[in-house]
């Protein structure tokens, strides 16, 4: 956390309207959508939505074979998926399917930290979204993986060491 993943997206969202690019930002939660909307300038070229609303993924057991991505996705030059590590397997498969079927081949970026929160939904595997982002899938997209290593939110080494411990193992009572 704090490496600047969302900030990279915010910078791209400032760049896009100046260059007449239509951007769709997809988020796993409504709270993240609200945070984006507070920070972004009003522009008809930028749309922020939850993944489920943006891709018309309905609750329930809709199989991938029955999912029909909206034609509206064809209008975007770029699709940004924030907090992709929170996406459950079924939804990740639908995202990969929807994006790979688009004829215009938009720029696609996914920001994820697999040491953060578990996926929203039923599954905690996260394999489909990781495989898709790492290019281990059948499809038209090849992702370039960029690892952000600088923590921008805090310089407190005690806190950073504790967070690292929490991300990599279950801390003991003494360590807590």
N, C-alpha and C. Protein backbone atom coordinates (compact mmCIF):
# COMPACT_ATOMS: atom_id res chain seq x y z
N UNK A 1 0.83 -1.20 0.00
CA UNK A 1 0.00 0.00 0.00
C UNK A 1 0.87 1.25 0.00
N UNK A 2 0.38 2.26 -0.69
CA UNK A 2 1.08 3.53 -0.67
C UNK A 2 2.15 3.67 -1.73
N UNK A 3 2.22 2.73 -2.67
CA UNK A 3 3.27 2.83 -3.69
C UNK A 3 2.88 3.76 -4.83
N UNK A 4 1.60 4.09 -4.94
CA UNK A 4 1.18 5.06 -5.95
C UNK A 4 0.43 4.47 -7.14
N UNK A 5 -0.11 3.26 -6.99
CA UNK A 5 -0.84 2.63 -8.10
C UNK A 5 -2.01 3.48 -8.55
N UNK A 6 -2.85 3.89 -7.63
CA UNK A 6 -4.01 4.70 -7.98
C UNK A 6 -3.57 6.07 -8.49
N UNK A 7 -2.50 6.60 -7.93
CA UNK A 7 -2.01 7.90 -8.38
C UNK A 7 -1.54 7.86 -9.84
N UNK A 8 -0.97 6.75 -10.25
CA UNK A 8 -0.58 6.59 -11.66
C UNK A 8 -1.83 6.67 -12.54
N UNK A 9 -2.89 6.01 -12.11
CA UNK A 9 -4.16 6.07 -12.86
C UNK A 9 -4.71 7.49 -12.88
N UNK A 10 -4.62 8.20 -11.76
CA UNK A 10 -5.12 9.58 -11.70
C UNK A 10 -4.36 10.47 -12.69
N UNK A 11 -3.06 10.28 -12.79
CA UNK A 11 -2.26 11.06 -13.74
C UNK A 11 -2.65 10.75 -15.18
N UNK A 12 -2.90 9.47 -15.46
CA UNK A 12 -3.34 9.10 -16.80
C UNK A 12 -4.70 9.72 -17.10
N UNK A 13 -5.57 9.75 -16.09
CA UNK A 13 -6.91 10.32 -16.27
C UNK A 13 -6.86 11.83 -16.49
N UNK A 14 -5.82 12.49 -16.03
CA UNK A 14 -5.64 13.91 -16.31
C UNK A 14 -5.11 14.09 -17.74
N UNK A 15 -4.28 13.19 -18.18
CA UNK A 15 -3.68 13.24 -19.51
C UNK A 15 -4.72 12.91 -20.60
N UNK A 16 -5.56 11.94 -20.36
CA UNK A 16 -6.47 11.41 -21.38
C UNK A 16 -7.39 12.46 -22.01
N UNK A 17 -8.14 13.25 -21.23
CA UNK A 17 -9.04 14.23 -21.85
C UNK A 17 -8.31 15.27 -22.71
N UNK A 18 -7.12 15.66 -22.28
CA UNK A 18 -6.35 16.63 -23.07
C UNK A 18 -5.98 16.05 -24.44
N UNK A 19 -5.97 14.73 -24.53
CA UNK A 19 -5.61 14.06 -25.78
C UNK A 19 -6.81 13.36 -26.42
N UNK A 20 -8.00 13.75 -25.97
CA UNK A 20 -9.27 13.26 -26.52
C UNK A 20 -9.41 11.73 -26.46
N UNK A 21 -8.93 11.14 -25.37
CA UNK A 21 -9.05 9.70 -25.16
C UNK A 21 -10.22 9.42 -24.24
N UNK A 22 -11.02 8.45 -24.60
CA UNK A 22 -12.14 8.03 -23.76
C UNK A 22 -11.65 6.92 -22.83
N UNK A 23 -11.87 7.11 -21.52
CA UNK A 23 -11.33 6.19 -20.51
C UNK A 23 -12.45 5.63 -19.64
N UNK A 24 -12.39 4.34 -19.42
CA UNK A 24 -13.28 3.67 -18.47
C UNK A 24 -12.42 3.16 -17.32
N UNK A 25 -12.77 3.58 -16.11
CA UNK A 25 -12.07 3.14 -14.90
C UNK A 25 -13.01 2.18 -14.17
N UNK A 26 -12.53 0.97 -13.95
CA UNK A 26 -13.34 -0.04 -13.28
C UNK A 26 -12.75 -0.33 -11.90
N UNK A 27 -13.62 -0.36 -10.90
CA UNK A 27 -13.20 -0.58 -9.51
C UNK A 27 -14.04 -1.70 -8.90
N UNK A 28 -13.47 -2.47 -7.97
CA UNK A 28 -14.23 -3.57 -7.37
C UNK A 28 -15.28 -3.11 -6.35
N UNK A 29 -15.17 -1.87 -5.84
CA UNK A 29 -16.11 -1.41 -4.82
C UNK A 29 -16.66 -0.03 -5.15
N UNK A 30 -17.86 0.23 -4.67
CA UNK A 30 -18.47 1.54 -4.83
C UNK A 30 -17.71 2.62 -4.08
N UNK A 31 -17.10 2.26 -2.97
CA UNK A 31 -16.33 3.23 -2.20
C UNK A 31 -15.15 3.76 -3.01
N UNK A 32 -14.48 2.88 -3.75
CA UNK A 32 -13.37 3.32 -4.58
C UNK A 32 -13.88 4.17 -5.76
N UNK A 33 -15.02 3.81 -6.31
CA UNK A 33 -15.64 4.62 -7.37
C UNK A 33 -15.89 6.04 -6.86
N UNK A 34 -16.46 6.14 -5.66
CA UNK A 34 -16.74 7.46 -5.07
C UNK A 34 -15.46 8.26 -4.86
N UNK A 35 -14.39 7.59 -4.43
CA UNK A 35 -13.12 8.29 -4.22
C UNK A 35 -12.57 8.83 -5.54
N UNK A 36 -12.67 8.06 -6.60
CA UNK A 36 -12.24 8.54 -7.92
C UNK A 36 -13.08 9.74 -8.35
N UNK A 37 -14.39 9.62 -8.20
CA UNK A 37 -15.27 10.69 -8.66
C UNK A 37 -15.02 12.00 -7.93
N UNK A 38 -14.61 11.91 -6.67
CA UNK A 38 -14.29 13.13 -5.92
C UNK A 38 -13.04 13.81 -6.47
N UNK A 39 -12.10 13.02 -6.95
CA UNK A 39 -10.81 13.57 -7.39
C UNK A 39 -10.75 13.93 -8.87
N UNK A 40 -11.56 13.29 -9.69
CA UNK A 40 -11.49 13.53 -11.13
C UNK A 40 -12.28 14.76 -11.53
N UNK A 41 -11.80 15.43 -12.56
CA UNK A 41 -12.56 16.56 -13.11
C UNK A 41 -13.72 16.02 -13.94
N UNK A 42 -14.76 16.82 -14.08
CA UNK A 42 -15.90 16.42 -14.89
C UNK A 42 -15.49 16.40 -16.36
N UNK A 43 -15.71 15.27 -16.99
CA UNK A 43 -15.40 15.14 -18.41
C UNK A 43 -16.26 14.03 -18.98
N UNK A 44 -16.81 14.28 -20.15
CA UNK A 44 -17.58 13.25 -20.85
C UNK A 44 -16.68 12.13 -21.33
N UNK A 45 -15.37 12.34 -21.30
CA UNK A 45 -14.43 11.34 -21.78
C UNK A 45 -14.01 10.34 -20.71
N UNK A 46 -14.33 10.64 -19.44
CA UNK A 46 -13.97 9.77 -18.33
C UNK A 46 -15.22 9.17 -17.69
N UNK A 47 -15.20 7.86 -17.50
CA UNK A 47 -16.30 7.19 -16.80
C UNK A 47 -15.69 6.29 -15.73
N UNK A 48 -16.23 6.38 -14.53
CA UNK A 48 -15.79 5.55 -13.42
C UNK A 48 -16.99 4.72 -12.98
N UNK A 49 -16.78 3.42 -12.84
CA UNK A 49 -17.89 2.56 -12.44
C UNK A 49 -17.35 1.34 -11.72
N UNK A 50 -18.23 0.64 -11.03
CA UNK A 50 -17.82 -0.63 -10.46
C UNK A 50 -17.64 -1.61 -11.61
N UNK A 51 -16.87 -2.63 -11.39
CA UNK A 51 -16.66 -3.64 -12.42
C UNK A 51 -17.98 -4.26 -12.83
N UNK A 52 -18.82 -4.57 -11.84
CA UNK A 52 -20.10 -5.22 -12.15
C UNK A 52 -21.02 -4.33 -12.97
N UNK A 53 -21.08 -3.04 -12.66
CA UNK A 53 -21.94 -2.13 -13.43
C UNK A 53 -21.33 -1.85 -14.80
N UNK A 54 -20.03 -1.63 -14.84
CA UNK A 54 -19.37 -1.28 -16.10
C UNK A 54 -19.40 -2.39 -17.13
N UNK A 55 -19.34 -3.64 -16.65
CA UNK A 55 -19.35 -4.78 -17.56
C UNK A 55 -20.69 -5.51 -17.58
N UNK A 56 -21.65 -4.96 -16.84
CA UNK A 56 -22.98 -5.57 -16.73
C UNK A 56 -22.89 -7.03 -16.27
N UNK A 57 -22.16 -7.22 -15.21
CA UNK A 57 -22.06 -8.53 -14.58
C UNK A 57 -23.09 -8.54 -13.46
N UNK A 58 -24.00 -9.45 -13.54
CA UNK A 58 -25.10 -9.47 -12.58
C UNK A 58 -24.81 -10.47 -11.47
N UNK A 59 -25.38 -10.19 -10.33
CA UNK A 59 -25.24 -11.11 -9.19
C UNK A 59 -25.88 -12.44 -9.55
N UNK A 60 -25.41 -13.47 -8.93
CA UNK A 60 -25.96 -14.79 -9.21
C UNK A 60 -24.96 -15.62 -9.98
N UNK A 61 -25.40 -16.75 -10.41
CA UNK A 61 -24.51 -17.70 -11.07
C UNK A 61 -24.61 -17.61 -12.58
N UNK A 62 -24.17 -16.50 -13.14
CA UNK A 62 -24.15 -16.33 -14.58
C UNK A 62 -22.84 -16.94 -15.09
N UNK A 63 -22.95 -17.94 -15.93
CA UNK A 63 -21.76 -18.58 -16.49
C UNK A 63 -21.08 -17.66 -17.48
N UNK A 64 -19.79 -17.87 -17.66
CA UNK A 64 -19.02 -17.09 -18.62
C UNK A 64 -19.63 -17.21 -20.01
N UNK A 65 -20.06 -18.40 -20.36
CA UNK A 65 -20.61 -18.62 -21.69
C UNK A 65 -21.90 -17.83 -21.92
N UNK A 66 -22.60 -17.49 -20.87
CA UNK A 66 -23.85 -16.73 -20.97
C UNK A 66 -23.65 -15.23 -20.81
N UNK A 67 -22.43 -14.81 -20.47
CA UNK A 67 -22.19 -13.39 -20.23
C UNK A 67 -22.01 -12.66 -21.57
N UNK A 68 -22.68 -11.54 -21.68
CA UNK A 68 -22.58 -10.73 -22.89
C UNK A 68 -22.11 -9.33 -22.50
N UNK A 69 -20.83 -9.02 -22.76
CA UNK A 69 -20.32 -7.70 -22.40
C UNK A 69 -21.06 -6.60 -23.16
N UNK A 70 -21.24 -5.45 -22.55
CA UNK A 70 -21.97 -4.37 -23.22
C UNK A 70 -21.22 -3.82 -24.43
N UNK A 71 -21.98 -3.46 -25.45
CA UNK A 71 -21.38 -2.85 -26.65
C UNK A 71 -20.73 -1.51 -26.32
N UNK A 72 -21.15 -0.88 -25.23
CA UNK A 72 -20.60 0.42 -24.84
C UNK A 72 -19.09 0.35 -24.61
N UNK A 73 -18.56 -0.84 -24.32
CA UNK A 73 -17.12 -0.96 -24.11
C UNK A 73 -16.32 -0.61 -25.37
N UNK A 74 -16.95 -0.68 -26.50
CA UNK A 74 -16.26 -0.41 -27.77
C UNK A 74 -15.89 1.06 -27.93
N UNK A 75 -16.47 1.92 -27.13
CA UNK A 75 -16.20 3.36 -27.29
C UNK A 75 -14.94 3.82 -26.56
N UNK A 76 -14.33 2.97 -25.76
CA UNK A 76 -13.21 3.41 -24.92
C UNK A 76 -11.86 3.15 -25.57
N UNK A 77 -10.97 4.13 -25.41
CA UNK A 77 -9.59 4.00 -25.87
C UNK A 77 -8.71 3.36 -24.81
N UNK A 78 -9.14 3.46 -23.55
CA UNK A 78 -8.38 2.90 -22.44
C UNK A 78 -9.33 2.37 -21.38
N UNK A 79 -8.98 1.23 -20.80
CA UNK A 79 -9.74 0.65 -19.69
C UNK A 79 -8.75 0.42 -18.56
N UNK A 80 -9.01 1.06 -17.42
CA UNK A 80 -8.14 0.95 -16.25
C UNK A 80 -8.88 0.18 -15.18
N UNK A 81 -8.24 -0.84 -14.63
CA UNK A 81 -8.86 -1.66 -13.59
C UNK A 81 -8.04 -1.48 -12.32
N UNK A 82 -8.61 -0.80 -11.34
CA UNK A 82 -7.89 -0.54 -10.09
C UNK A 82 -8.23 -1.62 -9.07
N UNK A 83 -7.30 -1.87 -8.18
CA UNK A 83 -7.44 -2.87 -7.12
C UNK A 83 -7.86 -4.23 -7.69
N UNK A 84 -7.19 -4.61 -8.76
CA UNK A 84 -7.53 -5.87 -9.45
C UNK A 84 -7.33 -7.09 -8.56
N UNK A 85 -6.50 -6.98 -7.55
CA UNK A 85 -6.27 -8.11 -6.65
C UNK A 85 -7.50 -8.43 -5.80
N UNK A 86 -8.48 -7.54 -5.78
CA UNK A 86 -9.71 -7.78 -5.01
C UNK A 86 -10.80 -8.45 -5.85
N UNK A 87 -10.48 -8.81 -7.08
CA UNK A 87 -11.48 -9.36 -7.99
C UNK A 87 -11.52 -10.88 -7.88
N UNK A 88 -12.72 -11.44 -7.71
CA UNK A 88 -12.86 -12.89 -7.60
C UNK A 88 -12.66 -13.55 -8.96
N UNK A 89 -12.47 -14.85 -8.95
CA UNK A 89 -12.12 -15.60 -10.16
C UNK A 89 -13.17 -15.50 -11.26
N UNK A 90 -14.42 -15.66 -10.92
CA UNK A 90 -15.50 -15.63 -11.92
C UNK A 90 -15.55 -14.27 -12.61
N UNK A 91 -15.44 -13.20 -11.84
CA UNK A 91 -15.47 -11.85 -12.40
C UNK A 91 -14.22 -11.61 -13.25
N UNK A 92 -13.07 -12.08 -12.80
CA UNK A 92 -11.82 -11.91 -13.55
C UNK A 92 -11.93 -12.57 -14.93
N UNK A 93 -12.54 -13.74 -14.98
CA UNK A 93 -12.71 -14.43 -16.26
C UNK A 93 -13.60 -13.61 -17.20
N UNK A 94 -14.63 -13.00 -16.65
CA UNK A 94 -15.53 -12.18 -17.47
C UNK A 94 -14.86 -10.91 -17.96
N UNK A 95 -13.99 -10.33 -17.14
CA UNK A 95 -13.24 -9.14 -17.56
C UNK A 95 -12.31 -9.52 -18.72
N UNK A 96 -11.56 -10.59 -18.55
CA UNK A 96 -10.62 -11.02 -19.59
C UNK A 96 -11.37 -11.31 -20.88
N UNK A 97 -12.49 -11.97 -20.78
CA UNK A 97 -13.29 -12.29 -21.96
C UNK A 97 -13.80 -11.02 -22.64
N UNK A 98 -14.38 -10.12 -21.84
CA UNK A 98 -14.97 -8.89 -22.39
C UNK A 98 -13.92 -8.04 -23.09
N UNK A 99 -12.77 -7.86 -22.47
CA UNK A 99 -11.74 -7.00 -23.03
C UNK A 99 -11.08 -7.66 -24.25
N UNK A 100 -10.83 -8.94 -24.19
CA UNK A 100 -10.15 -9.60 -25.32
C UNK A 100 -11.03 -9.67 -26.57
N UNK A 101 -12.34 -9.54 -26.41
CA UNK A 101 -13.25 -9.58 -27.55
C UNK A 101 -13.46 -8.22 -28.21
N UNK A 102 -12.91 -7.17 -27.64
CA UNK A 102 -13.13 -5.84 -28.20
C UNK A 102 -12.34 -5.65 -29.49
N UNK A 103 -13.00 -5.19 -30.55
CA UNK A 103 -12.31 -5.06 -31.84
C UNK A 103 -11.29 -3.92 -31.89
N UNK A 104 -11.46 -2.89 -31.04
CA UNK A 104 -10.57 -1.73 -31.13
C UNK A 104 -9.28 -1.91 -30.32
N UNK A 105 -9.17 -2.97 -29.55
CA UNK A 105 -7.97 -3.26 -28.75
C UNK A 105 -7.54 -2.04 -27.92
N UNK A 106 -8.35 -1.64 -26.93
CA UNK A 106 -7.99 -0.47 -26.13
C UNK A 106 -6.76 -0.75 -25.27
N UNK A 107 -6.13 0.35 -24.84
CA UNK A 107 -5.06 0.25 -23.85
C UNK A 107 -5.71 -0.25 -22.56
N UNK A 108 -5.14 -1.27 -21.95
CA UNK A 108 -5.70 -1.83 -20.72
C UNK A 108 -4.60 -1.84 -19.66
N UNK A 109 -4.94 -1.36 -18.46
CA UNK A 109 -4.00 -1.40 -17.34
C UNK A 109 -4.74 -1.91 -16.11
N UNK A 110 -4.07 -2.75 -15.36
CA UNK A 110 -4.64 -3.27 -14.12
C UNK A 110 -3.64 -3.01 -13.00
N UNK A 111 -4.11 -2.39 -11.93
CA UNK A 111 -3.28 -2.13 -10.76
C UNK A 111 -3.68 -3.12 -9.68
N UNK A 112 -2.69 -3.82 -9.13
CA UNK A 112 -3.00 -4.85 -8.14
C UNK A 112 -1.87 -4.98 -7.13
N UNK A 113 -2.24 -5.34 -5.92
CA UNK A 113 -1.28 -5.68 -4.88
C UNK A 113 -1.82 -6.95 -4.24
N UNK A 114 -1.23 -8.07 -4.59
CA UNK A 114 -1.74 -9.37 -4.14
C UNK A 114 -1.45 -9.68 -2.68
N UNK A 115 -0.80 -8.75 -1.99
CA UNK A 115 -0.60 -8.90 -0.56
C UNK A 115 -1.62 -8.11 0.24
N UNK A 116 -2.53 -7.41 -0.47
CA UNK A 116 -3.54 -6.62 0.21
C UNK A 116 -4.80 -7.45 0.45
N UNK A 117 -5.94 -6.80 0.35
CA UNK A 117 -7.21 -7.44 0.65
C UNK A 117 -7.51 -8.62 -0.25
N UNK A 118 -8.23 -9.57 0.30
CA UNK A 118 -8.69 -10.72 -0.46
C UNK A 118 -9.78 -10.27 -1.43
N UNK A 119 -10.05 -11.07 -2.45
CA UNK A 119 -11.07 -10.70 -3.43
C UNK A 119 -12.45 -10.49 -2.83
N UNK A 120 -13.20 -9.58 -3.46
CA UNK A 120 -14.59 -9.37 -3.11
C UNK A 120 -15.35 -10.47 -3.83
N UNK A 121 -16.08 -11.28 -3.11
CA UNK A 121 -16.83 -12.36 -3.76
C UNK A 121 -16.52 -13.70 -3.14
N UNK A 122 -16.79 -14.75 -3.87
CA UNK A 122 -16.72 -16.11 -3.36
C UNK A 122 -15.31 -16.68 -3.27
N UNK A 123 -14.48 -16.42 -4.26
CA UNK A 123 -13.22 -17.13 -4.38
C UNK A 123 -12.04 -16.30 -3.89
N UNK A 124 -11.08 -16.97 -3.31
CA UNK A 124 -9.87 -16.30 -2.87
C UNK A 124 -8.65 -16.71 -3.67
N UNK A 125 -8.85 -17.37 -4.80
CA UNK A 125 -7.74 -17.92 -5.57
C UNK A 125 -6.96 -16.85 -6.31
N UNK A 126 -7.61 -15.95 -6.99
CA UNK A 126 -7.03 -14.84 -7.74
C UNK A 126 -6.17 -15.30 -8.91
N UNK A 127 -6.21 -16.55 -9.26
CA UNK A 127 -5.38 -17.03 -10.36
C UNK A 127 -5.76 -16.46 -11.72
N UNK A 128 -7.05 -16.39 -12.10
CA UNK A 128 -7.36 -15.87 -13.44
C UNK A 128 -6.87 -14.45 -13.68
N UNK A 129 -7.05 -13.55 -12.72
CA UNK A 129 -6.63 -12.16 -12.95
C UNK A 129 -5.10 -12.07 -12.95
N UNK A 130 -4.43 -12.86 -12.12
CA UNK A 130 -2.96 -12.85 -12.14
C UNK A 130 -2.43 -13.42 -13.45
N UNK A 131 -3.01 -14.53 -13.92
CA UNK A 131 -2.56 -15.10 -15.20
C UNK A 131 -2.80 -14.12 -16.33
N UNK A 132 -3.96 -13.46 -16.32
CA UNK A 132 -4.30 -12.52 -17.39
C UNK A 132 -3.32 -11.36 -17.39
N UNK A 133 -3.05 -10.80 -16.22
CA UNK A 133 -2.13 -9.66 -16.12
C UNK A 133 -0.69 -10.06 -16.45
N UNK A 134 -0.33 -11.29 -16.20
CA UNK A 134 1.03 -11.75 -16.50
C UNK A 134 1.15 -12.29 -17.92
N UNK A 135 0.04 -12.24 -18.68
CA UNK A 135 0.10 -12.66 -20.07
C UNK A 135 0.00 -14.16 -20.27
N UNK A 136 -0.36 -14.90 -19.23
CA UNK A 136 -0.48 -16.36 -19.34
C UNK A 136 -1.93 -16.73 -19.61
N UNK A 137 -2.41 -16.30 -20.75
CA UNK A 137 -3.79 -16.55 -21.13
C UNK A 137 -3.87 -16.62 -22.64
N UNK A 138 -4.99 -17.06 -23.10
CA UNK A 138 -5.23 -17.04 -24.54
C UNK A 138 -5.94 -15.73 -24.84
N UNK A 139 -5.30 -14.87 -25.55
CA UNK A 139 -5.92 -13.59 -25.84
C UNK A 139 -4.99 -12.66 -26.58
N UNK A 140 -5.48 -11.47 -26.80
CA UNK A 140 -4.77 -10.50 -27.62
C UNK A 140 -3.88 -9.56 -26.82
N UNK A 141 -3.98 -9.61 -25.50
CA UNK A 141 -3.27 -8.62 -24.68
C UNK A 141 -2.00 -9.18 -24.10
N UNK A 142 -0.98 -8.36 -24.16
CA UNK A 142 0.26 -8.65 -23.47
C UNK A 142 0.50 -7.51 -22.50
N UNK A 143 0.53 -7.83 -21.24
CA UNK A 143 0.73 -6.81 -20.21
C UNK A 143 2.21 -6.69 -19.90
N UNK A 144 2.64 -5.48 -19.71
CA UNK A 144 3.98 -5.24 -19.21
C UNK A 144 3.82 -5.03 -17.71
N UNK A 145 4.49 -5.85 -16.93
CA UNK A 145 4.37 -5.74 -15.48
C UNK A 145 5.35 -4.70 -14.97
N UNK A 146 4.84 -3.76 -14.20
CA UNK A 146 5.65 -2.71 -13.58
C UNK A 146 5.49 -2.86 -12.07
N UNK A 147 6.58 -2.96 -11.37
CA UNK A 147 6.54 -3.10 -9.93
C UNK A 147 6.94 -1.77 -9.29
N UNK A 148 6.01 -1.19 -8.53
CA UNK A 148 6.29 0.04 -7.81
C UNK A 148 6.87 -0.35 -6.45
N UNK A 149 8.03 0.16 -6.14
CA UNK A 149 8.72 -0.27 -4.93
C UNK A 149 8.81 0.81 -3.86
N UNK A 150 8.58 2.04 -4.21
CA UNK A 150 8.71 3.13 -3.25
C UNK A 150 7.39 3.34 -2.53
N UNK A 151 7.44 3.40 -1.23
CA UNK A 151 6.25 3.66 -0.43
C UNK A 151 6.16 5.16 -0.21
N UNK A 152 5.04 5.75 -0.59
CA UNK A 152 4.90 7.20 -0.51
C UNK A 152 4.08 7.68 0.69
N UNK A 153 3.31 6.81 1.29
CA UNK A 153 2.42 7.27 2.36
C UNK A 153 3.12 7.49 3.69
N UNK A 154 4.14 6.71 3.98
CA UNK A 154 4.79 6.84 5.28
C UNK A 154 6.27 6.52 5.16
N UNK A 155 7.03 7.11 6.01
CA UNK A 155 8.47 6.81 6.11
C UNK A 155 8.79 6.16 7.46
N UNK A 156 7.75 5.88 8.23
CA UNK A 156 7.90 5.28 9.56
C UNK A 156 8.34 3.82 9.39
N UNK A 157 9.60 3.52 9.65
CA UNK A 157 10.15 2.18 9.43
C UNK A 157 9.50 1.14 10.32
N UNK A 158 9.13 1.50 11.55
CA UNK A 158 8.46 0.54 12.43
C UNK A 158 7.14 0.11 11.81
N UNK A 159 6.38 1.07 11.31
CA UNK A 159 5.10 0.76 10.68
C UNK A 159 5.31 -0.05 9.40
N UNK A 160 6.27 0.34 8.58
CA UNK A 160 6.53 -0.39 7.34
C UNK A 160 6.96 -1.83 7.61
N UNK A 161 7.81 -2.03 8.61
CA UNK A 161 8.22 -3.39 8.97
C UNK A 161 7.04 -4.21 9.47
N UNK A 162 6.18 -3.59 10.27
CA UNK A 162 5.00 -4.29 10.77
C UNK A 162 4.06 -4.66 9.61
N UNK A 163 3.85 -3.74 8.68
CA UNK A 163 2.99 -4.02 7.53
C UNK A 163 3.56 -5.14 6.68
N UNK A 164 4.88 -5.14 6.51
CA UNK A 164 5.51 -6.22 5.76
C UNK A 164 5.29 -7.55 6.46
N UNK A 165 5.42 -7.57 7.76
CA UNK A 165 5.19 -8.79 8.53
C UNK A 165 3.76 -9.28 8.34
N UNK A 166 2.80 -8.37 8.41
CA UNK A 166 1.39 -8.73 8.25
C UNK A 166 1.09 -9.26 6.85
N UNK A 167 1.80 -8.74 5.86
CA UNK A 167 1.56 -9.15 4.48
C UNK A 167 2.16 -10.50 4.16
N UNK A 168 3.18 -10.90 4.88
CA UNK A 168 3.90 -12.12 4.53
C UNK A 168 3.65 -13.28 5.48
N UNK A 169 3.11 -13.03 6.67
CA UNK A 169 2.86 -14.12 7.61
C UNK A 169 1.83 -13.67 8.65
N UNK A 170 1.42 -14.60 9.46
CA UNK A 170 0.51 -14.29 10.56
C UNK A 170 1.36 -13.87 11.75
N UNK A 171 1.28 -12.61 12.18
CA UNK A 171 2.10 -12.17 13.31
C UNK A 171 1.68 -12.89 14.60
N UNK A 172 2.65 -13.14 15.46
CA UNK A 172 2.36 -13.75 16.77
C UNK A 172 1.75 -12.67 17.69
N UNK A 173 1.24 -13.10 18.80
CA UNK A 173 0.68 -12.15 19.77
C UNK A 173 1.75 -11.18 20.24
N UNK A 174 2.95 -11.70 20.46
CA UNK A 174 4.05 -10.85 20.91
C UNK A 174 4.39 -9.79 19.86
N UNK A 175 4.37 -10.18 18.58
CA UNK A 175 4.70 -9.24 17.51
C UNK A 175 3.60 -8.18 17.35
N UNK A 176 2.37 -8.58 17.63
CA UNK A 176 1.28 -7.61 17.57
C UNK A 176 1.40 -6.62 18.70
